[in-house]
Amino acid sequence: MKLGVFLVLFGGLPLEQALDKAAAQGLKAVEIGTGGHPGNAHCNPDVLLENKAAREEFKKMVESRGLIISALSCHGNPLHPQKAIAKEFHDVFVKTVQLAELLEVPVVNTFSGCPGDHEDAKYPNWPVAPWPNDFQEVLDWQWKNKVIPYWTEWGKFAADHHVKIGLELHGGFSVHTPATLLRLREAAGEVIGANLDPSHMWWQGIDPVQAIAILGKAGAIHHFHAKDTTIDPVNVNRYGITDMQPYTNMQERAWQFRTVGYGHDLKTWADIISALRLYGYDYAVSIEHEDGLMSIDEGFTKAVRNLQQVLMEDSAAEMWWV
């Protein structure tokens, strides 16, 4: 496995300085934003698609520091019911796939998106209960008319460009659990897989180790984020796991994101890393730091130090004792 970082963490720095931050910590991979919610501070597809020399310089900056690009990321909602918003996210996804092929980056990370509840809706509708039956009707309409058709078409586009799609299982989007990921993968093909982030499993009540087993057995993990979550045992009883308070209201929230090791102990993270290897994932472990209690540098450094203790970098040896 290769320890890496989602480089948007250092979006306020020029690319070379951001890469130096990663290399100085001994990392081997970087995940780079190309637009959408992550922004394109370090990688603008409009520039790099048109300029071969700029692409070569971009690759050189990464490779000269002993790094690889594990994924290009353009998280957004290409299924947004407002067509102008959807088009903006869709267009950056298409350009990111094209750029990933040229840069020989195997994975593009994004969200599945979430449609509205009918053709003239203005806002996404995320059904989370089976009754009243209206919610089931909305869910059925979304998948049949929006989710499956879109990702069937654009999954093929990605496959034709030799790129896999890593969908982050994130609340608020149609694909947010192992089951919903596998449902879409069955319909749209194996180009669809997970950018699996344990932090979003924990707050939904899903054990990340079991999620890895479910998805890993299907070969459906394309990328992995390393981020932690803590659930407040008092506040969760007041607000529930679908707590709508802003992330900044940390004293009152039911749960919050933490850097690796500050939500769950290293034995839990060792179990996660072991499960990844057991079920066939041996690629990047990309740190995503969104801990409101720590600075960027401290949260990043602590995540690196904690993961270095449990990461398996060498290939597994033969069982000499058998």
C-alpha atoms as a PDB file:
ATOM      1  CA  MET A   1       0.000   0.000   0.000  1.00  0.00           C
ATOM      2  CA  LYS A   2       1.016   3.608  -0.526  1.00  0.00           C
ATOM      3  CA  LEU A   3       0.329   6.256   2.085  1.00  0.00           C
ATOM      4  CA  GLY A   4      -0.917   9.454   0.461  1.00  0.00           C
ATOM      5  CA  VAL A   5      -2.858  12.649   1.013  1.00  0.00           C
ATOM      6  CA  PHE A   6      -5.765  14.449  -0.614  1.00  0.00           C
ATOM      7  CA  LEU A   7      -3.724  17.480  -1.621  1.00  0.00           C
ATOM      8  CA  VAL A   8      -6.630  19.946  -1.404  1.00  0.00           C
ATOM      9  CA  LEU A   9      -5.591  20.117   2.252  1.00  0.00           C
ATOM     10  CA  PHE A  10      -2.786  22.390   1.040  1.00  0.00           C
ATOM     11  CA  GLY A  11      -4.834  24.242  -1.553  1.00  0.00           C
ATOM     12  CA  GLY A  12      -3.567  27.552  -0.207  1.00  0.00           C
ATOM     13  CA  LEU A  13      -0.033  26.680  -1.295  1.00  0.00           C
ATOM     14  CA  PRO A  14       1.439  26.505  -4.788  1.00  0.00           C
ATOM     15  CA  LEU A  15       1.592  22.963  -6.172  1.00  0.00           C
ATOM     16  CA  GLU A  16       5.329  22.540  -5.656  1.00  0.00           C
ATOM     17  CA  GLN A  17       5.120  23.573  -2.004  1.00  0.00           C
ATOM     18  CA  ALA A  18       2.134  21.301  -1.440  1.00  0.00           C
ATOM     19  CA  LEU A  19       4.014  18.388  -2.989  1.00  0.00           C
ATOM     20  CA  ASP A  20       7.017  19.196  -0.801  1.00  0.00           C
ATOM     21  CA  LYS A  21       4.746  18.911   2.255  1.00  0.00           C
ATOM     22  CA  ALA A  22       3.710  15.411   1.179  1.00  0.00           C
ATOM     23  CA  ALA A  23       7.212  14.278   0.294  1.00  0.00           C
ATOM     24  CA  ALA A  24       8.684  15.616   3.534  1.00  0.00           C
ATOM     25  CA  GLN A  25       6.387  13.290   5.489  1.00  0.00           C
ATOM     26  CA  GLY A  26       7.557  10.286   3.487  1.00  0.00           C
ATOM     27  CA  LEU A  27       4.312   9.891   1.548  1.00  0.00           C
ATOM     28  CA  LYS A  28       4.190   8.039  -1.754  1.00  0.00           C
ATOM     29  CA  ALA A  29       0.926   9.266  -3.316  1.00  0.00           C
ATOM     30  CA  VAL A  30      -1.150  12.388  -3.804  1.00  0.00           C
ATOM     31  CA  GLU A  31      -4.797  12.730  -4.771  1.00  0.00           C
ATOM     32  CA  ILE A  32      -5.361  16.008  -6.609  1.00  0.00           C
ATOM     33  CA  GLY A  33      -8.529  18.058  -7.034  1.00  0.00           C
ATOM     34  CA  THR A  34      -9.555  19.130 -10.535  1.00  0.00           C
ATOM     35  CA  GLY A  35     -12.727  21.086  -9.768  1.00  0.00           C
ATOM     36  CA  GLY A  36     -16.161  20.688  -8.257  1.00  0.00           C
ATOM     37  CA  HIS A  37     -16.188  20.874  -4.471  1.00  0.00           C
ATOM     38  CA  PRO A  38     -12.424  20.159  -4.120  1.00  0.00           C
ATOM     39  CA  GLY A  39     -11.568  23.036  -6.449  1.00  0.00           C
ATOM     40  CA  ASN A  40      -8.727  23.064  -8.973  1.00  0.00           C
ATOM     41  CA  ALA A  41      -6.041  25.064  -7.164  1.00  0.00           C
ATOM     42  CA  HIS A  42      -3.348  22.567  -8.159  1.00  0.00           C
ATOM     43  CA  CYS A  43      -4.726  21.104 -11.377  1.00  0.00           C
ATOM     44  CA  ASN A  44      -6.823  22.966 -13.933  1.00  0.00           C
ATOM     45  CA  PRO A  45      -8.057  20.571 -16.643  1.00  0.00           C
ATOM     46  CA  ASP A  46      -8.764  23.454 -19.037  1.00  0.00           C
ATOM     47  CA  VAL A  47      -5.056  24.296 -19.021  1.00  0.00           C
ATOM     48  CA  LEU A  48      -3.534  20.820 -18.913  1.00  0.00           C
ATOM     49  CA  LEU A  49      -5.785  19.261 -21.551  1.00  0.00           C
ATOM     50  CA  GLU A  50      -4.659  21.804 -24.126  1.00  0.00           C
ATOM     51  CA  ASN A  51      -0.980  22.000 -23.275  1.00  0.00           C
ATOM     52  CA  LYS A  52       1.221  18.914 -23.548  1.00  0.00           C
ATOM     53  CA  ALA A  53       4.260  20.732 -22.209  1.00  0.00           C
ATOM     54  CA  ALA A  54       2.288  21.845 -19.143  1.00  0.00           C
ATOM     55  CA  ARG A  55       1.141  18.246 -18.577  1.00  0.00           C
ATOM     56  CA  GLU A  56       4.697  16.972 -18.767  1.00  0.00           C
ATOM     57  CA  GLU A  57       5.882  19.611 -16.312  1.00  0.00           C
ATOM     58  CA  PHE A  58       2.972  18.740 -14.013  1.00  0.00           C
ATOM     59  CA  LYS A  59       3.922  15.048 -14.037  1.00  0.00           C
ATOM     60  CA  LYS A  60       7.586  15.893 -13.513  1.00  0.00           C
ATOM     61  CA  MET A  61       6.796  17.951 -10.419  1.00  0.00           C
ATOM     62  CA  VAL A  62       5.028  14.952  -8.899  1.00  0.00           C
ATOM     63  CA  GLU A  63       7.369  12.172 -10.001  1.00  0.00           C
ATOM     64  CA  SER A  64      10.578  14.032  -9.145  1.00  0.00           C
ATOM     65  CA  ARG A  65       9.507  13.900  -5.503  1.00  0.00           C
ATOM     66  CA  GLY A  66       8.987  10.141  -5.554  1.00  0.00           C
ATOM     67  CA  LEU A  67       5.203  10.485  -5.665  1.00  0.00           C
ATOM     68  CA  ILE A  68       2.414   9.082  -7.793  1.00  0.00           C
ATOM     69  CA  ILE A  69      -1.010  10.581  -8.449  1.00  0.00           C
ATOM     70  CA  SER A  70      -3.401   8.037  -6.961  1.00  0.00           C
ATOM     71  CA  ALA A  71      -6.529   9.786  -8.253  1.00  0.00           C
ATOM     72  CA  LEU A  72      -7.933  12.980  -9.704  1.00  0.00           C
ATOM     73  CA  SER A  73     -10.961  14.181  -7.763  1.00  0.00           C
ATOM     74  CA  CYS A  74     -13.893  16.338  -8.864  1.00  0.00           C
ATOM     75  CA  HIS A  75     -16.610  15.645  -6.280  1.00  0.00           C
ATOM     76  CA  GLY A  76     -19.931  17.171  -7.254  1.00  0.00           C
ATOM     77  CA  ASN A  77     -23.548  16.518  -8.174  1.00  0.00           C
ATOM     78  CA  PRO A  78     -23.911  15.889 -11.915  1.00  0.00           C
ATOM     79  CA  LEU A  79     -27.514  14.805 -11.254  1.00  0.00           C
ATOM     80  CA  HIS A  80     -28.554  18.091  -9.659  1.00  0.00           C
ATOM     81  CA  PRO A  81     -32.101  18.977 -10.806  1.00  0.00           C
ATOM     82  CA  GLN A  82     -31.014  22.509 -11.754  1.00  0.00           C
ATOM     83  CA  LYS A  83     -29.516  21.909 -15.176  1.00  0.00           C
ATOM     84  CA  ALA A  84     -26.895  24.664 -15.015  1.00  0.00           C
ATOM     85  CA  ILE A  85     -25.512  23.285 -11.749  1.00  0.00           C
ATOM     86  CA  ALA A  86     -25.557  19.719 -13.058  1.00  0.00           C
ATOM     87  CA  LYS A  87     -23.790  20.751 -16.263  1.00  0.00           C
ATOM     88  CA  GLU A  88     -20.979  22.458 -14.392  1.00  0.00           C
ATOM     89  CA  PHE A  89     -20.282  19.327 -12.332  1.00  0.00           C
ATOM     90  CA  HIS A  90     -20.712  17.066 -15.358  1.00  0.00           C
ATOM     91  CA  ASP A  91     -18.365  19.061 -17.541  1.00  0.00           C
ATOM     92  CA  VAL A  92     -15.551  18.991 -14.995  1.00  0.00           C
ATOM     93  CA  PHE A  93     -16.049  15.236 -14.572  1.00  0.00           C
ATOM     94  CA  VAL A  94     -15.701  14.686 -18.326  1.00  0.00           C
ATOM     95  CA  LYS A  95     -12.564  16.825 -18.500  1.00  0.00           C
ATOM     96  CA  THR A  96     -11.121  15.072 -15.450  1.00  0.00           C
ATOM     97  CA  VAL A  97     -11.570  11.659 -17.060  1.00  0.00           C
ATOM     98  CA  GLN A  98      -9.899  12.893 -20.242  1.00  0.00           C
ATOM     99  CA  LEU A  99      -7.032  14.367 -18.251  1.00  0.00           C
ATOM    100  CA  ALA A 100      -6.647  11.240 -16.117  1.00  0.00           C
ATOM    101  CA  GLU A 101      -6.133   9.184 -19.263  1.00  0.00           C
ATOM    102  CA  LEU A 102      -3.458  11.551 -20.553  1.00  0.00           C
ATOM    103  CA  LEU A 103      -1.681  11.603 -17.183  1.00  0.00           C
ATOM    104  CA  GLU A 104      -2.069   7.799 -16.800  1.00  0.00           C
ATOM    105  CA  VAL A 105      -3.969   8.213 -13.539  1.00  0.00           C
ATOM    106  CA  PRO A 106      -6.191   5.151 -13.067  1.00  0.00           C
ATOM    107  CA  VAL A 107      -8.994   6.577 -10.888  1.00  0.00           C
ATOM    108  CA  VAL A 108     -11.305   9.593 -10.900  1.00  0.00           C
ATOM    109  CA  ASN A 109     -13.090  10.212  -7.604  1.00  0.00           C
ATOM    110  CA  THR A 110     -16.446  11.950  -7.315  1.00  0.00           C
ATOM    111  CA  PHE A 111     -19.945  11.599  -5.836  1.00  0.00           C
ATOM    112  CA  SER A 112     -22.805   9.714  -7.433  1.00  0.00           C
ATOM    113  CA  GLY A 113     -24.962  12.822  -7.289  1.00  0.00           C
ATOM    114  CA  CYS A 114     -28.533  13.061  -6.087  1.00  0.00           C
ATOM    115  CA  PRO A 115     -31.486  14.079  -8.303  1.00  0.00           C
ATOM    116  CA  GLY A 116     -34.657  15.876  -7.358  1.00  0.00           C
ATOM    117  CA  ASP A 117     -38.013  14.124  -7.054  1.00  0.00           C
ATOM    118  CA  HIS A 118     -39.332  15.012 -10.539  1.00  0.00           C
ATOM    119  CA  GLU A 119     -38.173  16.647 -13.771  1.00  0.00           C
ATOM    120  CA  ASP A 120     -39.015  20.194 -12.671  1.00  0.00           C
ATOM    121  CA  ALA A 121     -37.523  19.966  -9.174  1.00  0.00           C
ATOM    122  CA  LYS A 122     -35.142  22.669  -7.989  1.00  0.00           C
ATOM    123  CA  TYR A 123     -33.272  20.841  -5.224  1.00  0.00           C
ATOM    124  CA  PRO A 124     -31.940  17.314  -4.615  1.00  0.00           C
ATOM    125  CA  ASN A 125     -34.162  14.949  -2.655  1.00  0.00           C
ATOM    126  CA  TRP A 126     -32.422  12.297  -0.525  1.00  0.00           C
ATOM    127  CA  PRO A 127     -35.001   9.749   0.695  1.00  0.00           C
ATOM    128  CA  VAL A 128     -33.909   8.015   3.915  1.00  0.00           C
ATOM    129  CA  ALA A 129     -37.117   6.262   5.034  1.00  0.00           C
ATOM    130  CA  PRO A 130     -39.272   3.618   3.292  1.00  0.00           C
ATOM    131  CA  TRP A 131     -42.591   5.033   4.545  1.00  0.00           C
ATOM    132  CA  PRO A 132     -44.750   6.967   3.774  1.00  0.00           C
ATOM    133  CA  ASN A 133     -44.649   5.308   0.381  1.00  0.00           C
ATOM    134  CA  ASP A 134     -43.971   8.621  -1.378  1.00  0.00           C
ATOM    135  CA  PHE A 135     -40.320   8.178  -0.484  1.00  0.00           C
ATOM    136  CA  GLN A 136     -40.168   4.781  -2.158  1.00  0.00           C
ATOM    137  CA  GLU A 137     -41.751   6.237  -5.283  1.00  0.00           C
ATOM    138  CA  VAL A 138     -39.219   9.082  -5.334  1.00  0.00           C
ATOM    139  CA  LEU A 139     -36.316   6.656  -4.868  1.00  0.00           C
ATOM    140  CA  ASP A 140     -37.547   4.363  -7.621  1.00  0.00           C
ATOM    141  CA  TRP A 141     -37.973   7.290 -10.024  1.00  0.00           C
ATOM    142  CA  GLN A 142     -34.513   8.644  -9.244  1.00  0.00           C
ATOM    143  CA  TRP A 143     -32.696   5.386  -9.876  1.00  0.00           C
ATOM    144  CA  LYS A 144     -34.605   4.365 -12.992  1.00  0.00           C
ATOM    145  CA  ASN A 145     -34.641   7.770 -14.665  1.00  0.00           C
ATOM    146  CA  LYS A 146     -31.473   9.493 -13.451  1.00  0.00           C
ATOM    147  CA  VAL A 147     -28.885   7.515 -11.481  1.00  0.00           C
ATOM    148  CA  ILE A 148     -28.613   4.351 -13.570  1.00  0.00           C
ATOM    149  CA  PRO A 149     -28.926   5.989 -17.014  1.00  0.00           C
ATOM    150  CA  TYR A 150     -26.327   8.662 -16.228  1.00  0.00           C
ATOM    151  CA  TRP A 151     -23.698   6.347 -14.792  1.00  0.00           C
ATOM    152  CA  THR A 152     -24.280   3.675 -17.410  1.00  0.00           C
ATOM    153  CA  GLU A 153     -23.485   6.202 -20.135  1.00  0.00           C
ATOM    154  CA  TRP A 154     -20.637   8.006 -18.422  1.00  0.00           C
ATOM    155  CA  GLY A 155     -19.232   4.893 -16.835  1.00  0.00           C
ATOM    156  CA  LYS A 156     -18.726   3.570 -20.355  1.00  0.00           C
ATOM    157  CA  PHE A 157     -17.093   6.873 -21.270  1.00  0.00           C
ATOM    158  CA  ALA A 158     -14.630   6.452 -18.392  1.00  0.00           C
ATOM    159  CA  ALA A 159     -13.942   2.826 -19.275  1.00  0.00           C
ATOM    160  CA  ASP A 160     -13.285   3.824 -22.885  1.00  0.00           C
ATOM    161  CA  HIS A 161     -10.666   6.237 -21.518  1.00  0.00           C
ATOM    162  CA  HIS A 162      -9.096   3.503 -19.332  1.00  0.00           C
ATOM    163  CA  VAL A 163     -10.217   5.176 -16.107  1.00  0.00           C
ATOM    164  CA  LYS A 164     -12.106   3.745 -13.122  1.00  0.00           C
ATOM    165  CA  ILE A 165     -14.668   5.808 -11.194  1.00  0.00           C
ATOM    166  CA  GLY A 166     -14.368   5.948  -7.405  1.00  0.00           C
ATOM    167  CA  LEU A 167     -17.689   7.053  -5.937  1.00  0.00           C
ATOM    168  CA  GLU A 168     -17.407   8.316  -2.383  1.00  0.00           C
ATOM    169  CA  LEU A 169     -20.125   6.770  -0.204  1.00  0.00           C
ATOM    170  CA  HIS A 170     -21.377  10.005   1.301  1.00  0.00           C
ATOM    171  CA  GLY A 171     -24.666  10.936   2.948  1.00  0.00           C
ATOM    172  CA  GLY A 172     -26.880  13.193   0.850  1.00  0.00           C
ATOM    173  CA  PHE A 173     -26.109  11.313  -2.371  1.00  0.00           C
ATOM    174  CA  SER A 174     -27.824   8.369  -4.046  1.00  0.00           C
ATOM    175  CA  VAL A 175     -24.801   6.107  -3.531  1.00  0.00           C
ATOM    176  CA  HIS A 176     -23.926   6.263   0.160  1.00  0.00           C
ATOM    177  CA  THR A 177     -23.706   2.654   1.407  1.00  0.00           C
ATOM    178  CA  PRO A 178     -22.092  -0.582   0.185  1.00  0.00           C
ATOM    179  CA  ALA A 179     -25.509  -1.785  -1.009  1.00  0.00           C
ATOM    180  CA  THR A 180     -26.235   1.306  -3.098  1.00  0.00           C
ATOM    181  CA  LEU A 181     -22.734   1.177  -4.602  1.00  0.00           C
ATOM    182  CA  LEU A 182     -23.181  -2.466  -5.573  1.00  0.00           C
ATOM    183  CA  ARG A 183     -26.631  -1.735  -6.996  1.00  0.00           C
ATOM    184  CA  LEU A 184     -25.178   0.871  -9.324  1.00  0.00           C
ATOM    185  CA  ARG A 185     -22.159  -1.279 -10.168  1.00  0.00           C
ATOM    186  CA  GLU A 186     -24.449  -4.145 -11.185  1.00  0.00           C
ATOM    187  CA  ALA A 187     -26.355  -1.836 -13.522  1.00  0.00           C
ATOM    188  CA  ALA A 188     -23.498   0.288 -14.898  1.00  0.00           C
ATOM    189  CA  GLY A 189     -20.531  -2.082 -14.839  1.00  0.00           C
ATOM    190  CA  GLU A 190     -17.293  -2.736 -12.998  1.00  0.00           C
ATOM    191  CA  VAL A 191     -15.885   0.665 -13.936  1.00  0.00           C
ATOM    192  CA  ILE A 192     -17.961   1.833 -10.959  1.00  0.00           C
ATOM    193  CA  GLY A 193     -16.364   1.272  -7.560  1.00  0.00           C
ATOM    194  CA  ALA A 194     -15.981   2.938  -4.197  1.00  0.00           C
ATOM    195  CA  ASN A 195     -13.717   5.664  -2.967  1.00  0.00           C
ATOM    196  CA  LEU A 196     -14.264   4.216   0.485  1.00  0.00           C
ATOM    197  CA  ASP A 197     -14.054   6.612   3.416  1.00  0.00           C
ATOM    198  CA  PRO A 198     -14.531   5.018   6.879  1.00  0.00           C
ATOM    199  CA  SER A 199     -15.609   8.341   8.386  1.00  0.00           C
ATOM    200  CA  HIS A 200     -18.881   8.230   6.447  1.00  0.00           C
ATOM    201  CA  MET A 201     -19.452   4.612   7.372  1.00  0.00           C
ATOM    202  CA  TRP A 202     -19.132   5.248  11.108  1.00  0.00           C
ATOM    203  CA  TRP A 203     -21.691   8.053  11.277  1.00  0.00           C
ATOM    204  CA  GLN A 204     -24.169   5.947   9.298  1.00  0.00           C
ATOM    205  CA  GLY A 205     -23.748   3.081  11.775  1.00  0.00           C
ATOM    206  CA  ILE A 206     -21.765   0.897   9.335  1.00  0.00           C
ATOM    207  CA  ASP A 207     -18.643  -0.968  10.464  1.00  0.00           C
ATOM    208  CA  PRO A 208     -15.897  -0.019   7.971  1.00  0.00           C
ATOM    209  CA  VAL A 209     -14.268  -3.454   8.268  1.00  0.00           C
ATOM    210  CA  GLN A 210     -17.517  -5.098   7.196  1.00  0.00           C
ATOM    211  CA  ALA A 211     -17.961  -2.527   4.426  1.00  0.00           C
ATOM    212  CA  ILE A 212     -14.484  -3.434   3.163  1.00  0.00           C
ATOM    213  CA  ALA A 213     -15.392  -7.117   3.218  1.00  0.00           C
ATOM    214  CA  ILE A 214     -18.644  -6.546   1.317  1.00  0.00           C
ATOM    215  CA  LEU A 215     -17.083  -4.339  -1.340  1.00  0.00           C
ATOM    216  CA  GLY A 216     -13.717  -6.075  -1.444  1.00  0.00           C
ATOM    217  CA  LYS A 217     -15.232  -9.460  -2.234  1.00  0.00           C
ATOM    218  CA  ALA A 218     -16.817  -7.819  -5.275  1.00  0.00           C
ATOM    219  CA  GLY A 219     -13.566  -6.119  -6.303  1.00  0.00           C
ATOM    220  CA  ALA A 220     -15.401  -2.837  -5.880  1.00  0.00           C
ATOM    221  CA  ILE A 221     -12.907  -0.681  -3.951  1.00  0.00           C
ATOM    222  CA  HIS A 222     -11.097   1.626  -6.361  1.00  0.00           C
ATOM    223  CA  HIS A 223      -9.633   4.123  -3.862  1.00  0.00           C
ATOM    224  CA  PHE A 224      -9.538   4.705  -0.105  1.00  0.00           C
ATOM    225  CA  HIS A 225      -9.737   7.790   2.116  1.00  0.00           C
ATOM    226  CA  ALA A 226      -8.281   7.809   5.618  1.00  0.00           C
ATOM    227  CA  LYS A 227     -10.431   9.976   7.871  1.00  0.00           C
ATOM    228  CA  ASP A 228     -11.904   9.345  11.309  1.00  0.00           C
ATOM    229  CA  THR A 229     -15.192  10.155  13.031  1.00  0.00           C
ATOM    230  CA  THR A 230     -16.237  10.469  16.640  1.00  0.00           C
ATOM    231  CA  ILE A 231     -19.857  10.131  17.776  1.00  0.00           C
ATOM    232  CA  ASP A 232     -20.896  12.097  20.855  1.00  0.00           C
ATOM    233  CA  PRO A 233     -22.807   9.669  23.119  1.00  0.00           C
ATOM    234  CA  VAL A 234     -24.978  12.440  24.562  1.00  0.00           C
ATOM    235  CA  ASN A 235     -25.665  14.624  21.545  1.00  0.00           C
ATOM    236  CA  VAL A 236     -26.507  11.690  19.266  1.00  0.00           C
ATOM    237  CA  ASN A 237     -29.485  10.916  21.481  1.00  0.00           C
ATOM    238  CA  ARG A 238     -30.783  14.447  20.975  1.00  0.00           C
ATOM    239  CA  TYR A 239     -30.057  14.971  17.275  1.00  0.00           C
ATOM    240  CA  GLY A 240     -29.625  11.480  15.787  1.00  0.00           C
ATOM    241  CA  ILE A 241     -27.117  10.530  13.122  1.00  0.00           C
ATOM    242  CA  THR A 242     -28.801  12.742  10.516  1.00  0.00           C
ATOM    243  CA  ASP A 243     -27.826  15.792  12.582  1.00  0.00           C
ATOM    244  CA  MET A 244     -28.321  18.889  10.407  1.00  0.00           C
ATOM    245  CA  GLN A 245     -26.304  21.304  12.547  1.00  0.00           C
ATOM    246  CA  PRO A 246     -23.304  22.908  10.832  1.00  0.00           C
ATOM    247  CA  TYR A 247     -19.949  21.206  11.288  1.00  0.00           C
ATOM    248  CA  THR A 248     -18.721  24.313  13.106  1.00  0.00           C
ATOM    249  CA  ASN A 249     -21.132  23.686  16.015  1.00  0.00           C
ATOM    250  CA  MET A 250     -18.787  21.092  17.454  1.00  0.00           C
ATOM    251  CA  GLN A 251     -19.942  21.148  21.094  1.00  0.00           C
ATOM    252  CA  GLU A 252     -23.514  20.297  20.116  1.00  0.00           C
ATOM    253  CA  ARG A 253     -23.157  18.050  17.078  1.00  0.00           C
ATOM    254  CA  ALA A 254     -23.988  14.340  17.281  1.00  0.00           C
ATOM    255  CA  TRP A 255     -20.837  13.446  15.399  1.00  0.00           C
ATOM    256  CA  GLN A 256     -17.824  15.123  13.869  1.00  0.00           C
ATOM    257  CA  PHE A 257     -14.879  14.310  11.661  1.00  0.00           C
ATOM    258  CA  ARG A 258     -11.502  13.726  13.315  1.00  0.00           C
ATOM    259  CA  THR A 259      -8.019  13.030  12.117  1.00  0.00           C
ATOM    260  CA  VAL A 260      -6.946   9.381  12.075  1.00  0.00           C
ATOM    261  CA  GLY A 261      -6.600   7.970  15.594  1.00  0.00           C
ATOM    262  CA  TYR A 262      -8.719  10.614  17.302  1.00  0.00           C
ATOM    263  CA  GLY A 263     -12.064   8.946  16.697  1.00  0.00           C
ATOM    264  CA  HIS A 264     -10.986   5.293  16.843  1.00  0.00           C
ATOM    265  CA  ASP A 265      -7.856   3.693  18.240  1.00  0.00           C
ATOM    266  CA  LEU A 266      -4.997   2.291  16.198  1.00  0.00           C
ATOM    267  CA  LYS A 267      -6.186  -1.289  16.725  1.00  0.00           C
ATOM    268  CA  THR A 268      -9.348  -0.336  14.829  1.00  0.00           C
ATOM    269  CA  TRP A 269      -7.260   1.255  12.085  1.00  0.00           C
ATOM    270  CA  ALA A 270      -4.995  -1.815  11.993  1.00  0.00           C
ATOM    271  CA  ASP A 271      -8.125  -3.919  11.466  1.00  0.00           C
ATOM    272  CA  ILE A 272      -9.170  -1.636   8.609  1.00  0.00           C
ATOM    273  CA  ILE A 273      -5.772  -1.831   6.908  1.00  0.00           C
ATOM    274  CA  SER A 274      -5.697  -5.611   7.388  1.00  0.00           C
ATOM    275  CA  ALA A 275      -9.172  -5.966   5.896  1.00  0.00           C
ATOM    276  CA  LEU A 276      -8.151  -3.905   2.863  1.00  0.00           C
ATOM    277  CA  ARG A 277      -5.282  -6.284   2.174  1.00  0.00           C
ATOM    278  CA  LEU A 278      -7.315  -9.399   3.003  1.00  0.00           C
ATOM    279  CA  TYR A 279      -9.955  -8.458   0.450  1.00  0.00           C
ATOM    280  CA  GLY A 280      -7.579  -7.465  -2.310  1.00  0.00           C
ATOM    281  CA  TYR A 281      -7.052  -3.711  -2.009  1.00  0.00           C
ATOM    282  CA  ASP A 282      -3.368  -2.797  -2.108  1.00  0.00           C
ATOM    283  CA  TYR A 283      -3.376   0.740  -3.468  1.00  0.00           C
ATOM    284  CA  ALA A 284      -3.391   4.248  -1.983  1.00  0.00           C
ATOM    285  CA  VAL A 285      -4.513   5.145   1.537  1.00  0.00           C
ATOM    286  CA  SER A 286      -5.208   8.841   1.034  1.00  0.00           C
ATOM    287  CA  ILE A 287      -5.363  11.042   4.138  1.00  0.00           C
ATOM    288  CA  GLU A 288      -8.267  13.472   4.212  1.00  0.00           C
ATOM    289  CA  HIS A 289      -7.979  15.868   7.148  1.00  0.00           C
ATOM    290  CA  GLU A 290     -11.187  17.667   8.184  1.00  0.00           C
ATOM    291  CA  ASP A 291     -10.664  17.883  11.951  1.00  0.00           C
ATOM    292  CA  GLY A 292     -12.084  21.101  13.369  1.00  0.00           C
ATOM    293  CA  LEU A 293      -9.991  20.792  16.541  1.00  0.00           C
ATOM    294  CA  MET A 294      -6.603  20.760  14.823  1.00  0.00           C
ATOM    295  CA  SER A 295      -4.582  22.933  12.500  1.00  0.00           C
ATOM    296  CA  ILE A 296      -3.895  21.701   8.988  1.00  0.00           C
ATOM    297  CA  ASP A 297      -0.277  20.812   9.723  1.00  0.00           C
ATOM    298  CA  GLU A 298      -0.899  19.160  13.085  1.00  0.00           C
ATOM    299  CA  GLY A 299      -3.889  17.111  11.935  1.00  0.00           C
ATOM    300  CA  PHE A 300      -2.004  16.014   8.826  1.00  0.00           C
ATOM    301  CA  THR A 301       1.161  15.118  10.730  1.00  0.00           C
ATOM    302  CA  LYS A 302      -0.689  13.134  13.373  1.00  0.00           C
ATOM    303  CA  ALA A 303      -2.615  11.205  10.713  1.00  0.00           C
ATOM    304  CA  VAL A 304       0.658  10.344   8.964  1.00  0.00           C
ATOM    305  CA  ARG A 305       2.327   9.207  12.179  1.00  0.00           C
ATOM    306  CA  ASN A 306      -0.632   7.087  13.239  1.00  0.00           C
ATOM    307  CA  LEU A 307      -1.083   5.434   9.851  1.00  0.00           C
ATOM    308  CA  GLN A 308       2.635   4.721   9.483  1.00  0.00           C
ATOM    309  CA  GLN A 309       2.324   2.452  12.522  1.00  0.00           C
ATOM    310  CA  VAL A 310      -0.335   0.238  10.945  1.00  0.00           C
ATOM    311  CA  LEU A 311       0.139   0.535   7.174  1.00  0.00           C
ATOM    312  CA  MET A 312       1.373  -2.533   5.284  1.00  0.00           C
ATOM    313  CA  GLU A 313       3.739  -1.307   2.599  1.00  0.00           C
ATOM    314  CA  ASP A 314       5.585  -4.492   1.637  1.00  0.00           C
ATOM    315  CA  SER A 315       3.932  -7.245  -0.350  1.00  0.00           C
ATOM    316  CA  ALA A 316       2.767 -10.161   1.758  1.00  0.00           C
ATOM    317  CA  ALA A 317       5.385 -12.907   2.167  1.00  0.00           C
ATOM    318  CA  GLU A 318       4.788 -16.538   1.359  1.00  0.00           C
ATOM    319  CA  MET A 319       3.523 -18.549   4.329  1.00  0.00           C
ATOM    320  CA  TRP A 320       6.888 -20.145   5.077  1.00  0.00           C
ATOM    321  CA  TRP A 321       5.483 -21.793   8.205  1.00  0.00           C
ATOM    322  CA  VAL A 322       2.809 -23.784   6.345  1.00  0.00           C
END
